[in-house]
């Protein structure tokens, strides 16, 4: 994963703390590698990074967050109670977006998700 996603993650985590240092990451190479693994797991998705960074800033390790995501993607929800419910988790964002598509668009997108084995 490119360092852009890691930089976004760290920026969002720091914003959560209003500029205070991230005690468990600032100079720790292993923590940075864990963050990179977490960013890879969510394919660098800015939305996922926005949802995960505040949890990291509150003290959860990147590995803990990765383990939680592997168990249940719905487990990680936004730490921002003022967000609309449809923006609080990856699943609700995708579900809401799916509903906004026409039947033709849904069918086309569903076809794009199927691959034949060689």
PDB file of N, CA and C in Angstrom:
ATOM      1  N   UNK A   1       0.863  -1.170   0.000  1.00  0.00           N
ATOM      2  CA  UNK A   1       0.000   0.000   0.000  1.00  0.00           C
ATOM      3  C   UNK A   1       0.900   1.221   0.000  1.00  0.00           C
ATOM      4  N   UNK A   2       0.514   2.204  -0.748  1.00  0.00           N
ATOM      5  CA  UNK A   2       1.378   3.379  -0.806  1.00  0.00           C
ATOM      6  C   UNK A   2       1.306   4.165   0.497  1.00  0.00           C
ATOM      7  N   UNK A   3       2.262   4.987   0.692  1.00  0.00           N
ATOM      8  CA  UNK A   3       2.351   5.727   1.944  1.00  0.00           C
ATOM      9  C   UNK A   3       1.279   6.809   2.064  1.00  0.00           C
ATOM     10  N   UNK A   4       0.588   7.115   0.969  1.00  0.00           N
ATOM     11  CA  UNK A   4      -0.489   8.106   1.031  1.00  0.00           C
ATOM     12  C   UNK A   4      -1.578   7.661   2.001  1.00  0.00           C
ATOM     13  N   UNK A   5      -1.937   6.387   1.961  1.00  0.00           N
ATOM     14  CA  UNK A   5      -2.986   5.906   2.859  1.00  0.00           C
ATOM     15  C   UNK A   5      -2.513   5.935   4.310  1.00  0.00           C
ATOM     16  N   UNK A   6      -1.246   5.614   4.538  1.00  0.00           N
ATOM     17  CA  UNK A   6      -0.699   5.678   5.900  1.00  0.00           C
ATOM     18  C   UNK A   6      -0.666   7.129   6.375  1.00  0.00           C
ATOM     19  N   UNK A   7      -0.279   8.041   5.505  1.00  0.00           N
ATOM     20  CA  UNK A   7      -0.264   9.464   5.879  1.00  0.00           C
ATOM     21  C   UNK A   7      -1.677   9.956   6.197  1.00  0.00           C
ATOM     22  N   UNK A   8      -2.658   9.552   5.378  1.00  0.00           N
ATOM     23  CA  UNK A   8      -4.043   9.931   5.649  1.00  0.00           C
ATOM     24  C   UNK A   8      -4.478   9.376   6.999  1.00  0.00           C
ATOM     25  N   UNK A   9      -4.159   8.113   7.251  1.00  0.00           N
ATOM     26  CA  UNK A   9      -4.522   7.477   8.515  1.00  0.00           C
ATOM     27  C   UNK A   9      -3.939   8.267   9.692  1.00  0.00           C
ATOM     28  N   UNK A  10      -2.646   8.559   9.631  1.00  0.00           N
ATOM     29  CA  UNK A  10      -1.984   9.273  10.724  1.00  0.00           C
ATOM     30  C   UNK A  10      -2.542  10.687  10.879  1.00  0.00           C
ATOM     31  N   UNK A  11      -2.817  11.352   9.767  1.00  0.00           N
ATOM     32  CA  UNK A  11      -3.387  12.696   9.825  1.00  0.00           C
ATOM     33  C   UNK A  11      -4.737  12.679  10.521  1.00  0.00           C
ATOM     34  N   UNK A  12      -5.588  11.729  10.156  1.00  0.00           N
ATOM     35  CA  UNK A  12      -6.922  11.648  10.764  1.00  0.00           C
ATOM     36  C   UNK A  12      -6.841  11.254  12.232  1.00  0.00           C
ATOM     37  N   UNK A  13      -5.928  10.385  12.573  1.00  0.00           N
ATOM     38  CA  UNK A  13      -5.756  10.004  13.977  1.00  0.00           C
ATOM     39  C   UNK A  13      -5.298  11.210  14.797  1.00  0.00           C
ATOM     40  N   UNK A  14      -4.366  11.975  14.260  1.00  0.00           N
ATOM     41  CA  UNK A  14      -3.870  13.158  14.973  1.00  0.00           C
ATOM     42  C   UNK A  14      -4.964  14.207  15.125  1.00  0.00           C
ATOM     43  N   UNK A  15      -5.787  14.375  14.099  1.00  0.00           N
ATOM     44  CA  UNK A  15      -6.886  15.347  14.191  1.00  0.00           C
ATOM     45  C   UNK A  15      -7.850  14.978  15.305  1.00  0.00           C
ATOM     46  N   UNK A  16      -8.045  13.691  15.501  1.00  0.00           N
ATOM     47  CA  UNK A  16      -8.926  13.233  16.570  1.00  0.00           C
ATOM     48  C   UNK A  16      -8.406  13.705  17.922  1.00  0.00           C
ATOM     49  N   UNK A  17      -7.094  13.765  18.059  1.00  0.00           N
ATOM     50  CA  UNK A  17      -6.471  14.169  19.323  1.00  0.00           C
ATOM     51  C   UNK A  17      -6.166  15.663  19.376  1.00  0.00           C
ATOM     52  N   UNK A  18      -6.685  16.415  18.430  1.00  0.00           N
ATOM     53  CA  UNK A  18      -6.449  17.866  18.368  1.00  0.00           C
ATOM     54  C   UNK A  18      -4.971  18.218  18.433  1.00  0.00           C
ATOM     55  N   UNK A  19      -4.158  17.477  17.674  1.00  0.00           N
ATOM     56  CA  UNK A  19      -2.743  17.803  17.562  1.00  0.00           C
ATOM     57  C   UNK A  19      -1.837  17.180  18.602  1.00  0.00           C
ATOM     58  N   UNK A  20      -2.397  16.502  19.600  1.00  0.00           N
ATOM     59  CA  UNK A  20      -1.549  15.825  20.582  1.00  0.00           C
ATOM     60  C   UNK A  20      -0.822  14.678  19.900  1.00  0.00           C
ATOM     61  N   UNK A  21       0.359  14.324  20.384  1.00  0.00           N
ATOM     62  CA  UNK A  21       1.095  13.229  19.737  1.00  0.00           C
ATOM     63  C   UNK A  21       0.417  11.881  19.945  1.00  0.00           C
ATOM     64  N   UNK A  22       0.549  11.026  18.960  1.00  0.00           N
ATOM     65  CA  UNK A  22       0.066   9.651  19.072  1.00  0.00           C
ATOM     66  C   UNK A  22       1.146   8.856  19.792  1.00  0.00           C
ATOM     67  N   UNK A  23       0.961   8.642  21.057  1.00  0.00           N
ATOM     68  CA  UNK A  23       2.003   8.032  21.885  1.00  0.00           C
ATOM     69  C   UNK A  23       2.436   6.668  21.372  1.00  0.00           C
ATOM     70  N   UNK A  24       1.526   5.911  20.784  1.00  0.00           N
ATOM     71  CA  UNK A  24       1.845   4.543  20.382  1.00  0.00           C
ATOM     72  C   UNK A  24       2.251   4.411  18.922  1.00  0.00           C
ATOM     73  N   UNK A  25       2.549   5.532  18.235  1.00  0.00           N
ATOM     74  CA  UNK A  25       2.887   5.372  16.817  1.00  0.00           C
ATOM     75  C   UNK A  25       3.946   6.304  16.275  1.00  0.00           C
ATOM     76  N   UNK A  26       4.076   7.460  16.829  1.00  0.00           N
ATOM     77  CA  UNK A  26       4.880   8.508  16.203  1.00  0.00           C
ATOM     78  C   UNK A  26       6.250   8.039  15.723  1.00  0.00           C
ATOM     79  N   UNK A  27       6.976   7.327  16.557  1.00  0.00           N
ATOM     80  CA  UNK A  27       8.332   6.933  16.154  1.00  0.00           C
ATOM     81  C   UNK A  27       8.522   5.425  16.170  1.00  0.00           C
ATOM     82  N   UNK A  28       7.440   4.685  16.244  1.00  0.00           N
ATOM     83  CA  UNK A  28       7.514   3.229  16.333  1.00  0.00           C
ATOM     84  C   UNK A  28       7.370   2.612  14.942  1.00  0.00           C
ATOM     85  N   UNK A  29       8.452   2.046  14.435  1.00  0.00           N
ATOM     86  CA  UNK A  29       8.429   1.443  13.102  1.00  0.00           C
ATOM     87  C   UNK A  29       7.457   0.288  12.995  1.00  0.00           C
ATOM     88  N   UNK A  30       7.338  -0.526  14.040  1.00  0.00           N
ATOM     89  CA  UNK A  30       6.397  -1.657  14.009  1.00  0.00           C
ATOM     90  C   UNK A  30       4.960  -1.147  13.950  1.00  0.00           C
ATOM     91  N   UNK A  31       4.648  -0.098  14.698  1.00  0.00           N
ATOM     92  CA  UNK A  31       3.301   0.476  14.655  1.00  0.00           C
ATOM     93  C   UNK A  31       2.989   0.992  13.255  1.00  0.00           C
ATOM     94  N   UNK A  32       3.957   1.613  12.618  1.00  0.00           N
ATOM     95  CA  UNK A  32       3.761   2.104  11.252  1.00  0.00           C
ATOM     96  C   UNK A  32       3.526   0.944  10.297  1.00  0.00           C
ATOM     97  N   UNK A  33       4.242  -0.156  10.477  1.00  0.00           N
ATOM     98  CA  UNK A  33       4.021  -1.340   9.623  1.00  0.00           C
ATOM     99  C   UNK A  33       2.629  -1.924   9.854  1.00  0.00           C
ATOM    100  N   UNK A  34       2.165  -1.920  11.112  1.00  0.00           N
ATOM    101  CA  UNK A  34       0.814  -2.406  11.404  1.00  0.00           C
ATOM    102  C   UNK A  34      -0.234  -1.513  10.743  1.00  0.00           C
ATOM    103  N   UNK A  35      -0.006  -0.212  10.785  1.00  0.00           N
ATOM    104  CA  UNK A  35      -0.934   0.721  10.136  1.00  0.00           C
ATOM    105  C   UNK A  35      -0.949   0.469   8.634  1.00  0.00           C
ATOM    106  N   UNK A  36       0.204   0.232   8.056  1.00  0.00           N
ATOM    107  CA  UNK A  36       0.277  -0.072   6.619  1.00  0.00           C
ATOM    108  C   UNK A  36      -0.495  -1.353   6.307  1.00  0.00           C
ATOM    109  N   UNK A  37      -0.383  -2.368   7.165  1.00  0.00           N
ATOM    110  CA  UNK A  37      -1.146  -3.616   6.957  1.00  0.00           C
ATOM    111  C   UNK A  37      -2.644  -3.349   7.046  1.00  0.00           C
ATOM    112  N   UNK A  38      -3.041  -2.535   8.009  1.00  0.00           N
ATOM    113  CA  UNK A  38      -4.452  -2.187   8.163  1.00  0.00           C
ATOM    114  C   UNK A  38      -4.950  -1.442   6.928  1.00  0.00           C
ATOM    115  N   UNK A  39      -4.163  -0.498   6.439  1.00  0.00           N
ATOM    116  CA  UNK A  39      -4.540   0.247   5.227  1.00  0.00           C
ATOM    117  C   UNK A  39      -4.628  -0.681   4.019  1.00  0.00           C
ATOM    118  N   UNK A  40      -3.738  -1.647   3.933  1.00  0.00           N
ATOM    119  CA  UNK A  40      -3.796  -2.634   2.842  1.00  0.00           C
ATOM    120  C   UNK A  40      -5.074  -3.459   2.940  1.00  0.00           C
ATOM    121  N   UNK A  41      -5.429  -3.852   4.155  1.00  0.00           N
ATOM    122  CA  UNK A  41      -6.618  -4.684   4.351  1.00  0.00           C
ATOM    123  C   UNK A  41      -7.877  -3.976   3.844  1.00  0.00           C
ATOM    124  N   UNK A  42      -7.936  -2.661   4.042  1.00  0.00           N
ATOM    125  CA  UNK A  42      -9.109  -1.908   3.573  1.00  0.00           C
ATOM    126  C   UNK A  42      -8.869  -1.302   2.195  1.00  0.00           C
ATOM    127  N   UNK A  43      -7.829  -1.788   1.508  1.00  0.00           N
ATOM    128  CA  UNK A  43      -7.493  -1.376   0.142  1.00  0.00           C
ATOM    129  C   UNK A  43      -7.295   0.135   0.023  1.00  0.00           C
ATOM    130  N   UNK A  44      -6.813   0.758   1.091  1.00  0.00           N
ATOM    131  CA  UNK A  44      -6.552   2.191   1.050  1.00  0.00           C
ATOM    132  C   UNK A  44      -7.801   3.048   0.985  1.00  0.00           C
ATOM    133  N   UNK A  45      -8.954   2.459   1.260  1.00  0.00           N
ATOM    134  CA  UNK A  45     -10.219   3.193   1.177  1.00  0.00           C
ATOM    135  C   UNK A  45     -10.227   4.390   2.130  1.00  0.00           C
ATOM    136  N   UNK A  46     -10.362   5.600   1.588  1.00  0.00           N
ATOM    137  CA  UNK A  46     -10.398   6.774   2.465  1.00  0.00           C
ATOM    138  C   UNK A  46     -11.521   6.706   3.497  1.00  0.00           C
ATOM    139  N   UNK A  47     -12.677   6.169   3.109  1.00  0.00           N
ATOM    140  CA  UNK A  47     -13.778   6.050   4.062  1.00  0.00           C
ATOM    141  C   UNK A  47     -13.385   5.140   5.219  1.00  0.00           C
ATOM    142  N   UNK A  48     -12.831   3.988   4.912  1.00  0.00           N
ATOM    143  CA  UNK A  48     -12.424   3.057   5.969  1.00  0.00           C
ATOM    144  C   UNK A  48     -11.367   3.694   6.863  1.00  0.00           C
ATOM    145  N   UNK A  49     -10.445   4.411   6.263  1.00  0.00           N
ATOM    146  CA  UNK A  49      -9.397   5.080   7.042  1.00  0.00           C
ATOM    147  C   UNK A  49     -10.012   6.134   7.955  1.00  0.00           C
ATOM    148  N   UNK A  50     -10.978   6.885   7.443  1.00  0.00           N
ATOM    149  CA  UNK A  50     -11.664   7.894   8.259  1.00  0.00           C
ATOM    150  C   UNK A  50     -12.377   7.251   9.447  1.00  0.00           C
ATOM    151  N   UNK A  51     -12.922   6.055   9.258  1.00  0.00           N
ATOM    152  CA  UNK A  51     -13.633   5.370  10.329  1.00  0.00           C
ATOM    153  C   UNK A  51     -12.687   4.727  11.341  1.00  0.00           C
ATOM    154  N   UNK A  52     -11.554   4.252  10.877  1.00  0.00           N
ATOM    155  CA  UNK A  52     -10.621   3.523  11.748  1.00  0.00           C
ATOM    156  C   UNK A  52      -9.672   4.426  12.530  1.00  0.00           C
ATOM    157  N   UNK A  53      -9.245   5.517  11.947  1.00  0.00           N
ATOM    158  CA  UNK A  53      -8.229   6.364  12.583  1.00  0.00           C
ATOM    159  C   UNK A  53      -8.630   6.869  13.973  1.00  0.00           C
ATOM    160  N   UNK A  54      -9.875   7.306  14.180  1.00  0.00           N
ATOM    161  CA  UNK A  54     -10.233   7.751  15.539  1.00  0.00           C
ATOM    162  C   UNK A  54     -10.171   6.618  16.566  1.00  0.00           C
ATOM    163  N   UNK A  55     -10.483   5.407  16.134  1.00  0.00           N
ATOM    164  CA  UNK A  55     -10.398   4.268  17.052  1.00  0.00           C
ATOM    165  C   UNK A  55      -8.953   4.002  17.431  1.00  0.00           C
ATOM    166  N   UNK A  56      -8.068   4.143  16.465  1.00  0.00           N
ATOM    167  CA  UNK A  56      -6.639   3.986  16.719  1.00  0.00           C
ATOM    168  C   UNK A  56      -6.159   5.074  17.679  1.00  0.00           C
ATOM    169  N   UNK A  57      -6.596   6.299  17.431  1.00  0.00           N
ATOM    170  CA  UNK A  57      -6.176   7.421  18.272  1.00  0.00           C
ATOM    171  C   UNK A  57      -6.653   7.251  19.709  1.00  0.00           C
ATOM    172  N   UNK A  58      -7.773   6.560  19.887  1.00  0.00           N
ATOM    173  CA  UNK A  58      -8.301   6.371  21.242  1.00  0.00           C
ATOM    174  C   UNK A  58      -7.572   5.268  22.000  1.00  0.00           C
ATOM    175  N   UNK A  59      -6.628   4.588  21.335  1.00  0.00           N
ATOM    176  CA  UNK A  59      -5.804   3.619  22.054  1.00  0.00           C
ATOM    177  C   UNK A  59      -5.777   2.215  21.496  1.00  0.00           C
ATOM    178  N   UNK A  60      -6.683   1.882  20.578  1.00  0.00           N
ATOM    179  CA  UNK A  60      -6.648   0.551  19.967  1.00  0.00           C
ATOM    180  C   UNK A  60      -5.437   0.448  19.052  1.00  0.00           C
ATOM    181  N   UNK A  61      -4.758  -0.680  19.082  1.00  0.00           N
ATOM    182  CA  UNK A  61      -3.626  -0.863  18.165  1.00  0.00           C
ATOM    183  C   UNK A  61      -4.152  -1.165  16.766  1.00  0.00           C
ATOM    184  N   UNK A  62      -3.310  -0.941  15.777  1.00  0.00           N
ATOM    185  CA  UNK A  62      -3.690  -1.265  14.401  1.00  0.00           C
ATOM    186  C   UNK A  62      -3.974  -2.756  14.282  1.00  0.00           C
ATOM    187  N   UNK A  63      -3.210  -3.589  14.977  1.00  0.00           N
ATOM    188  CA  UNK A  63      -3.433  -5.037  14.928  1.00  0.00           C
ATOM    189  C   UNK A  63      -4.782  -5.401  15.541  1.00  0.00           C
ATOM    190  N   UNK A  64      -5.156  -4.744  16.635  1.00  0.00           N
ATOM    191  CA  UNK A  64      -6.460  -4.981  17.255  1.00  0.00           C
ATOM    192  C   UNK A  64      -7.577  -4.624  16.279  1.00  0.00           C
ATOM    193  N   UNK A  65      -7.430  -3.496  15.604  1.00  0.00           N
ATOM    194  CA  UNK A  65      -8.439  -3.082  14.626  1.00  0.00           C
ATOM    195  C   UNK A  65      -8.503  -4.049  13.457  1.00  0.00           C
ATOM    196  N   UNK A  66      -7.354  -4.507  13.000  1.00  0.00           N
ATOM    197  CA  UNK A  66      -7.312  -5.472  11.907  1.00  0.00           C
ATOM    198  C   UNK A  66      -8.001  -6.769  12.316  1.00  0.00           C
ATOM    199  N   UNK A  67      -7.720  -7.245  13.521  1.00  0.00           N
ATOM    200  CA  UNK A  67      -8.374  -8.460  14.018  1.00  0.00           C
ATOM    201  C   UNK A  67      -9.884  -8.276  14.088  1.00  0.00           C
ATOM    202  N   UNK A  68     -10.333  -7.105  14.553  1.00  0.00           N
ATOM    203  CA  UNK A  68     -11.766  -6.829  14.648  1.00  0.00           C
ATOM    204  C   UNK A  68     -12.408  -6.820  13.267  1.00  0.00           C
ATOM    205  N   UNK A  69     -11.744  -6.213  12.297  1.00  0.00           N
ATOM    206  CA  UNK A  69     -12.271  -6.185  10.930  1.00  0.00           C
ATOM    207  C   UNK A  69     -12.368  -7.578  10.338  1.00  0.00           C
ATOM    208  N   UNK A  70     -11.366  -8.408  10.606  1.00  0.00           N
ATOM    209  CA  UNK A  70     -11.381  -9.771  10.079  1.00  0.00           C
ATOM    210  C   UNK A  70     -12.522 -10.580  10.681  1.00  0.00           C
ATOM    211  N   UNK A  71     -12.890 -10.281  11.919  1.00  0.00           N
ATOM    212  CA  UNK A  71     -13.996 -10.981  12.576  1.00  0.00           C
ATOM    213  C   UNK A  71     -15.349 -10.492  12.076  1.00  0.00           C
ATOM    214  N   UNK A  72     -15.497  -9.172  11.949  1.00  0.00           N
ATOM    215  CA  UNK A  72     -16.798  -8.608  11.594  1.00  0.00           C
ATOM    216  C   UNK A  72     -16.612  -7.174  11.113  1.00  0.00           C
ATOM    217  N   UNK A  73     -16.805  -6.964   9.827  1.00  0.00           N
ATOM    218  CA  UNK A  73     -16.602  -5.618   9.269  1.00  0.00           C
ATOM    219  C   UNK A  73     -17.591  -4.611   9.850  1.00  0.00           C
ATOM    220  N   UNK A  74     -18.738  -5.085  10.343  1.00  0.00           N
ATOM    221  CA  UNK A  74     -19.714  -4.184  10.943  1.00  0.00           C
ATOM    222  C   UNK A  74     -19.308  -3.729  12.340  1.00  0.00           C
ATOM    223  N   UNK A  75     -18.327  -4.404  12.919  1.00  0.00           N
ATOM    224  CA  UNK A  75     -17.903  -4.084  14.276  1.00  0.00           C
ATOM    225  C   UNK A  75     -17.311  -2.686  14.373  1.00  0.00           C
ATOM    226  N   UNK A  76     -16.625  -2.270  13.338  1.00  0.00           N
ATOM    227  CA  UNK A  76     -15.956  -0.968  13.367  1.00  0.00           C
ATOM    228  C   UNK A  76     -16.908   0.082  12.807  1.00  0.00           C
ATOM    229  N   UNK A  77     -17.363   0.950  13.660  1.00  0.00           N
ATOM    230  CA  UNK A  77     -18.267   2.025  13.247  1.00  0.00           C
ATOM    231  C   UNK A  77     -17.603   3.359  13.555  1.00  0.00           C
ATOM    232  N   UNK A  78     -18.112   4.394  12.960  1.00  0.00           N
ATOM    233  CA  UNK A  78     -17.508   5.720  13.136  1.00  0.00           C
ATOM    234  C   UNK A  78     -17.545   6.153  14.592  1.00  0.00           C
ATOM    235  N   UNK A  79     -16.510   6.811  15.000  1.00  0.00           N
ATOM    236  CA  UNK A  79     -16.430   7.339  16.359  1.00  0.00           C
ATOM    237  C   UNK A  79     -17.047   8.733  16.436  1.00  0.00           C
ATOM    238  N   UNK A  80     -17.745   9.130  15.380  1.00  0.00           N
ATOM    239  CA  UNK A  80     -18.344  10.458  15.320  1.00  0.00           C
ATOM    240  C   UNK A  80     -19.859  10.332  15.424  1.00  0.00           C
ATOM    241  N   UNK A  81     -20.441  10.546  16.599  1.00  0.00           N
ATOM    242  CA  UNK A  81     -21.883  10.377  16.758  1.00  0.00           C
ATOM    243  C   UNK A  81     -22.710  11.361  15.947  1.00  0.00           C
ATOM    244  N   UNK A  82     -22.105  12.456  15.488  1.00  0.00           N
ATOM    245  CA  UNK A  82     -22.863  13.438  14.720  1.00  0.00           C
ATOM    246  C   UNK A  82     -22.988  13.077  13.242  1.00  0.00           C
ATOM    247  N   UNK A  83     -22.339  11.992  12.813  1.00  0.00           N
ATOM    248  CA  UNK A  83     -22.479  11.544  11.423  1.00  0.00           C
ATOM    249  C   UNK A  83     -23.841  10.898  11.221  1.00  0.00           C
ATOM    250  N   UNK A  84     -24.417  11.050  10.033  1.00  0.00           N
ATOM    251  CA  UNK A  84     -25.653  10.322   9.745  1.00  0.00           C
ATOM    252  C   UNK A  84     -25.411   8.814   9.868  1.00  0.00           C
ATOM    253  N   UNK A  85     -26.415   8.074  10.267  1.00  0.00           N
ATOM    254  CA  UNK A  85     -26.272   6.626  10.473  1.00  0.00           C
ATOM    255  C   UNK A  85     -25.713   5.940   9.233  1.00  0.00           C
ATOM    256  N   UNK A  86     -26.071   6.420   8.052  1.00  0.00           N
ATOM    257  CA  UNK A  86     -25.622   5.771   6.820  1.00  0.00           C
ATOM    258  C   UNK A  86     -24.122   5.946   6.569  1.00  0.00           C
ATOM    259  N   UNK A  87     -23.438   6.764   7.368  1.00  0.00           N
ATOM    260  CA  UNK A  87     -21.996   6.985   7.213  1.00  0.00           C
ATOM    261  C   UNK A  87     -21.175   6.382   8.345  1.00  0.00           C
ATOM    262  N   UNK A  88     -21.788   5.631   9.233  1.00  0.00           N
ATOM    263  CA  UNK A  88     -21.080   5.153  10.419  1.00  0.00           C
ATOM    264  C   UNK A  88     -20.359   3.834  10.238  1.00  0.00           C
ATOM    265  N   UNK A  89     -20.603   3.133   9.177  1.00  0.00           N
ATOM    266  CA  UNK A  89     -19.866   1.889   8.931  1.00  0.00           C
ATOM    267  C   UNK A  89     -19.738   1.676   7.428  1.00  0.00           C
ATOM    268  N   UNK A  90     -18.766   0.863   7.055  1.00  0.00           N
ATOM    269  CA  UNK A  90     -18.554   0.565   5.636  1.00  0.00           C
ATOM    270  C   UNK A  90     -19.792  -0.097   5.041  1.00  0.00           C
ATOM    271  N   UNK A  91     -20.370  -1.034   5.765  1.00  0.00           N
ATOM    272  CA  UNK A  91     -21.522  -1.760   5.232  1.00  0.00           C
ATOM    273  C   UNK A  91     -22.700  -0.822   4.974  1.00  0.00           C
ATOM    274  N   UNK A  92     -22.990   0.079   5.916  1.00  0.00           N
ATOM    275  CA  UNK A  92     -24.134   0.968   5.700  1.00  0.00           C
ATOM    276  C   UNK A  92     -23.886   1.933   4.544  1.00  0.00           C
ATOM    277  N   UNK A  93     -22.649   2.351   4.349  1.00  0.00           N
ATOM    278  CA  UNK A  93     -22.338   3.208   3.197  1.00  0.00           C
ATOM    279  C   UNK A  93     -22.601   2.454   1.901  1.00  0.00           C
ATOM    280  N   UNK A  94     -22.120   1.213   1.832  1.00  0.00           N
ATOM    281  CA  UNK A  94     -22.340   0.421   0.616  1.00  0.00           C
ATOM    282  C   UNK A  94     -23.821   0.108   0.419  1.00  0.00           C
ATOM    283  N   UNK A  95     -24.515  -0.257   1.502  1.00  0.00           N
ATOM    284  CA  UNK A  95     -25.946  -0.551   1.392  1.00  0.00           C
ATOM    285  C   UNK A  95     -26.720   0.671   0.907  1.00  0.00           C
ATOM    286  N   UNK A  96     -26.417   1.823   1.478  1.00  0.00           N
ATOM    287  CA  UNK A  96     -27.109   3.048   1.080  1.00  0.00           C
ATOM    288  C   UNK A  96     -26.810   3.387  -0.385  1.00  0.00           C
ATOM    289  N   UNK A  97     -25.565   3.236  -0.778  1.00  0.00           N
ATOM    290  CA  UNK A  97     -25.187   3.510  -2.173  1.00  0.00           C
ATOM    291  C   UNK A  97     -25.881   2.547  -3.125  1.00  0.00           C
ATOM    292  N   UNK A  98     -25.987   1.280  -2.740  1.00  0.00           N
ATOM    293  CA  UNK A  98     -26.642   0.265  -3.564  1.00  0.00           C
ATOM    294  C   UNK A  98     -28.100   0.634  -3.806  1.00  0.00           C
ATOM    295  N   UNK A  99     -28.774   1.076  -2.757  1.00  0.00           N
ATOM    296  CA  UNK A  99     -30.185   1.445  -2.863  1.00  0.00           C
ATOM    297  C   UNK A  99     -30.376   2.609  -3.835  1.00  0.00           C
ATOM    298  N   UNK A 100     -29.401   3.491  -3.915  1.00  0.00           N
ATOM    299  CA  UNK A 100     -29.507   4.651  -4.804  1.00  0.00           C
ATOM    300  C   UNK A 100     -29.347   4.298  -6.277  1.00  0.00           C
ATOM    301  N   UNK A 101     -28.809   3.104  -6.572  1.00  0.00           N
ATOM    302  CA  UNK A 101     -28.623   2.679  -7.962  1.00  0.00           C
ATOM    303  C   UNK A 101     -29.940   2.217  -8.567  1.00  0.00           C
ATOM    304  N   UNK A 102     -30.087   2.422  -9.869  1.00  0.00           N
ATOM    305  CA  UNK A 102     -31.255   1.883 -10.572  1.00  0.00           C
ATOM    306  C   UNK A 102     -31.109   0.362 -10.656  1.00  0.00           C
ATOM    307  N   UNK A 103     -32.181  -0.337 -11.009  1.00  0.00           N
ATOM    308  CA  UNK A 103     -32.113  -1.802 -11.155  1.00  0.00           C
ATOM    309  C   UNK A 103     -31.096  -2.192 -12.222  1.00  0.00           C
ATOM    310  N   UNK A 104     -31.041  -1.410 -13.296  1.00  0.00           N
ATOM    311  CA  UNK A 104     -30.079  -1.698 -14.360  1.00  0.00           C
ATOM    312  C   UNK A 104     -28.643  -1.535 -13.856  1.00  0.00           C
ATOM    313  N   UNK A 105     -28.397  -0.479 -13.097  1.00  0.00           N
ATOM    314  CA  UNK A 105     -27.050  -0.256 -12.548  1.00  0.00           C
ATOM    315  C   UNK A 105     -26.671  -1.348 -11.548  1.00  0.00           C
ATOM    316  N   UNK A 106     -27.633  -1.779 -10.737  1.00  0.00           N
ATOM    317  CA  UNK A 106     -27.366  -2.865  -9.793  1.00  0.00           C
ATOM    318  C   UNK A 106     -27.009  -4.148 -10.537  1.00  0.00           C
ATOM    319  N   UNK A 107     -27.760  -4.446 -11.604  1.00  0.00           N
ATOM    320  CA  UNK A 107     -27.494  -5.659 -12.383  1.00  0.00           C
ATOM    321  C   UNK A 107     -26.116  -5.589 -13.035  1.00  0.00           C
ATOM    322  N   UNK A 108     -25.769  -4.438 -13.591  1.00  0.00           N
ATOM    323  CA  UNK A 108     -24.461  -4.274 -14.219  1.00  0.00           C
ATOM    324  C   UNK A 108     -23.333  -4.432 -13.197  1.00  0.00           C
ATOM    325  N   UNK A 109     -23.484  -3.821 -12.052  1.00  0.00           N
ATOM    326  CA  UNK A 109     -22.466  -3.928 -11.011  1.00  0.00           C
ATOM    327  C   UNK A 109     -22.356  -5.364 -10.498  1.00  0.00           C
ATOM    328  N   UNK A 110     -23.477  -6.043 -10.372  1.00  0.00           N
ATOM    329  CA  UNK A 110     -23.453  -7.445  -9.940  1.00  0.00           C
ATOM    330  C   UNK A 110     -22.694  -8.303 -10.950  1.00  0.00           C
ATOM    331  N   UNK A 111     -22.860  -8.019 -12.233  1.00  0.00           N
ATOM    332  CA  UNK A 111     -22.121  -8.767 -13.264  1.00  0.00           C
ATOM    333  C   UNK A 111     -20.617  -8.523 -13.158  1.00  0.00           C
ATOM    334  N   UNK A 112     -20.242  -7.337 -12.762  1.00  0.00           N
ATOM    335  CA  UNK A 112     -18.809  -7.012 -12.625  1.00  0.00           C
ATOM    336  C   UNK A 112     -18.158  -7.759 -11.469  1.00  0.00           C
ATOM    337  N   UNK A 113     -18.951  -8.288 -10.571  1.00  0.00           N
ATOM    338  CA  UNK A 113     -18.379  -8.972  -9.411  1.00  0.00           C
ATOM    339  C   UNK A 113     -18.236 -10.476  -9.627  1.00  0.00           C
ATOM    340  N   UNK A 114     -18.646 -10.962 -10.779  1.00  0.00           N
ATOM    341  CA  UNK A 114     -18.550 -12.395 -11.079  1.00  0.00           C
ATOM    342  C   UNK A 114     -17.400 -12.653 -12.035  1.00  0.00           C
ATOM    343  N   UNK A 115     -16.600 -13.660 -11.708  1.00  0.00           N
ATOM    344  CA  UNK A 115     -15.475 -14.023 -12.561  1.00  0.00           C
ATOM    345  C   UNK A 115     -15.505 -15.522 -12.798  1.00  0.00           C
ATOM    346  N   UNK A 116     -15.294 -15.909 -14.032  1.00  0.00           N
ATOM    347  CA  UNK A 116     -15.229 -17.329 -14.365  1.00  0.00           C
ATOM    348  C   UNK A 116     -13.839 -17.864 -14.064  1.00  0.00           C
ATOM    349  N   UNK A 117     -13.808 -19.059 -13.555  1.00  0.00           N
ATOM    350  CA  UNK A 117     -12.518 -19.714 -13.308  1.00  0.00           C
ATOM    351  C   UNK A 117     -11.914 -20.138 -14.641  1.00  0.00           C
ATOM    352  N   UNK A 118     -10.599 -20.092 -14.759  1.00  0.00           N
ATOM    353  CA  UNK A 118      -9.974 -20.483 -16.034  1.00  0.00           C
ATOM    354  C   UNK A 118     -10.123 -21.972 -16.312  1.00  0.00           C
TER     355      UNK A 118
END
